[in-house]
Amino acid sequence: MTDVLQSSAVWLAQQRDASTAQSIVYRRGAQSIGMSATFGQSLLKLTDGHGGVKIERTERDLIVTAATLNFGAGPVQPQRGDLADWINPAGQTLRYEVMAPPNEPEYRADPWGVSLRIHLKFKAVL
């Protein structure tokens, strides 16, 4: 029997890519791939190690279909230091680096691994 929630996650990723995604170039070292991504932000609850808690907003998130993050040898997971280039409506290429706040992962995946939410930090205008 097919998992209805997993099938729904696949359908939702397809709809997201078809209706809200923008083109980016994802880079790791000398390798690069063009892919579709939707932009977002996350609120993260961070502890300071002394019982205090603060809320921090990620600068930018990329939401992608996990299978598209593939340099040719099969899907890979995002890594700190990977880059994402996006051409904004003004024609500028903005570069972001995969980077999360301290003690947080660089990305999060849905329970079925269909979609990834990758945390980014602005790096430069190229």
Protein backbone atom coordinates (compact mmCIF):
# COMPACT_ATOMS: atom_id res chain seq x y z
CA MET A 1 0.00 0.00 0.00
CA THR A 2 1.31 3.45 -0.93
CA ASP A 3 2.02 5.92 1.86
CA VAL A 4 -0.52 8.69 1.20
CA LEU A 5 1.54 11.30 3.03
CA GLN A 6 4.68 10.47 1.05
CA SER A 7 2.72 10.62 -2.22
CA SER A 8 1.34 13.98 -1.09
CA ALA A 9 4.86 15.25 -0.32
CA VAL A 10 5.97 14.31 -3.85
CA TRP A 11 2.91 16.02 -5.36
CA LEU A 12 3.46 19.15 -3.25
CA ALA A 13 7.14 19.35 -4.31
CA GLN A 14 6.06 19.11 -7.97
CA GLN A 15 3.49 21.88 -7.50
CA ARG A 16 6.01 24.06 -5.66
CA ASP A 17 8.60 23.63 -8.40
CA ALA A 18 6.03 24.38 -11.13
CA SER A 19 4.52 27.47 -9.52
CA THR A 20 6.95 29.24 -7.16
CA ALA A 21 10.45 28.04 -8.00
CA GLN A 22 13.16 30.19 -9.53
CA SER A 23 16.31 29.15 -11.36
CA ILE A 24 19.55 29.00 -9.41
CA VAL A 25 23.01 27.57 -9.98
CA TYR A 26 24.16 25.36 -7.10
CA ARG A 27 27.95 24.97 -6.75
CA ARG A 28 30.27 22.64 -4.90
CA GLY A 29 33.91 23.26 -5.69
CA ALA A 30 34.33 23.06 -9.49
CA GLN A 31 30.97 21.33 -9.97
CA SER A 32 27.75 23.21 -10.68
CA ILE A 33 24.17 22.38 -11.59
CA GLY A 34 21.21 24.47 -12.64
CA MET A 35 18.10 23.71 -10.62
CA SER A 36 14.79 25.10 -9.43
CA ALA A 37 14.43 26.40 -5.89
CA THR A 38 11.87 28.29 -3.85
CA PHE A 39 13.10 30.92 -1.42
CA GLY A 40 12.04 31.03 2.21
CA GLN A 41 13.18 31.88 5.73
CA SER A 42 13.19 29.94 8.99
CA LEU A 43 12.84 30.94 12.60
CA LEU A 44 15.24 28.89 14.72
CA LYS A 45 15.09 28.58 18.50
CA LEU A 46 18.65 28.65 19.81
CA THR A 47 19.83 28.07 23.36
CA ASP A 48 22.76 30.03 24.75
CA GLY A 49 24.02 27.17 26.95
CA HIS A 50 23.06 29.07 30.12
CA GLY A 51 19.33 28.40 30.11
CA GLY A 52 18.47 31.30 27.83
CA VAL A 53 16.77 30.98 24.48
CA LYS A 54 16.79 33.32 21.52
CA ILE A 55 14.99 33.22 18.21
CA GLU A 56 17.11 33.77 15.10
CA ARG A 57 15.88 34.14 11.54
CA THR A 58 17.90 32.53 8.77
CA GLU A 59 18.99 35.02 6.14
CA ARG A 60 17.56 32.95 3.29
CA ASP A 61 16.51 29.36 2.76
CA LEU A 62 16.34 27.38 -0.45
CA ILE A 63 13.60 24.79 -0.67
CA VAL A 64 14.47 22.18 -3.29
CA THR A 65 13.42 18.73 -4.38
CA ALA A 66 16.16 16.50 -2.95
CA ALA A 67 16.55 14.42 -6.13
CA THR A 68 17.55 17.51 -8.15
CA LEU A 69 20.63 18.13 -5.99
CA ASN A 70 22.63 15.78 -8.18
CA PHE A 71 26.00 16.49 -9.81
CA GLY A 72 25.77 13.31 -11.92
CA ALA A 73 26.59 10.49 -9.50
CA GLY A 74 23.29 10.51 -7.63
CA PRO A 75 21.67 12.92 -5.17
CA VAL A 76 23.92 14.52 -2.56
CA GLN A 77 23.26 16.32 0.70
CA PRO A 78 23.98 20.04 1.09
CA GLN A 79 27.27 20.86 2.77
CA ARG A 80 28.58 23.93 4.55
CA GLY A 81 30.49 25.98 1.98
CA ASP A 82 28.32 25.03 -1.02
CA LEU A 83 27.22 28.08 -3.01
CA ALA A 84 23.95 29.14 -4.64
CA ASP A 85 23.85 31.86 -7.31
CA TRP A 86 20.59 33.61 -8.18
CA ILE A 87 19.96 36.37 -10.71
CA ASN A 88 17.56 38.84 -9.11
CA PRO A 89 14.96 40.89 -11.05
CA ALA A 90 17.46 43.77 -11.35
CA GLY A 91 19.84 41.47 -13.25
CA GLN A 92 22.38 41.15 -10.42
CA THR A 93 23.83 37.76 -9.55
CA LEU A 94 23.60 37.25 -5.80
CA ARG A 95 25.75 34.56 -4.23
CA TYR A 96 24.74 32.75 -1.06
CA GLU A 97 26.72 30.22 0.96
CA VAL A 98 25.28 27.19 2.71
CA MET A 99 25.67 28.08 6.37
CA ALA A 100 23.51 27.65 9.45
CA PRO A 101 23.62 29.30 12.87
CA PRO A 102 25.83 27.61 15.48
CA ASN A 103 24.67 24.16 16.62
CA GLU A 104 22.11 23.92 13.83
CA PRO A 105 22.25 21.70 10.73
CA GLU A 106 22.85 23.25 7.32
CA TYR A 107 19.56 21.83 6.07
CA ARG A 108 16.40 20.06 7.10
CA ALA A 109 14.51 17.38 5.19
CA ASP A 110 10.90 16.31 5.31
CA PRO A 111 10.25 12.85 6.83
CA TRP A 112 10.43 11.16 3.40
CA GLY A 113 13.48 13.04 2.11
CA VAL A 114 11.50 14.49 -0.81
CA SER A 115 12.26 18.16 -0.08
CA LEU A 116 15.21 19.92 1.55
CA ARG A 117 15.25 23.32 3.25
CA ILE A 118 18.83 24.59 2.94
CA HIS A 119 19.96 27.48 5.18
CA LEU A 120 21.98 30.19 3.43
CA LYS A 121 23.90 33.34 4.24
CA PHE A 122 24.42 36.17 1.75
CA LYS A 123 28.01 36.24 0.49
CA ALA A 124 28.37 38.71 -2.42
CA VAL A 125 26.98 40.46 -5.47
CA LEU A 126 28.95 39.14 -8.45
